[in-house]
């Protein structure tokens, strides 16, 4: 089951959107345009360059979001 389906099954309104460009900027822009209440981003154990690139997305989103950000850590 997708995370969106699980959350929606509990009555939470969920929207997902696709966008091109810098991931953090796309997420931040979408949240602002949609007047989002919360952004949920995933984070899993990474090493090296992957952590540098993908980790910076979640950090940029967390620091610059117009709403609350929930970072879900997975192994």
Foldseek 3Di string as FASTA:
>chain_A
DDPCVVVVVVVDDDDDDDDDDQLLVVQQVVCVVVVHQEAEEEDEDDDDPVCVRVVVSLVSNCVDHPHYYHYHYDD
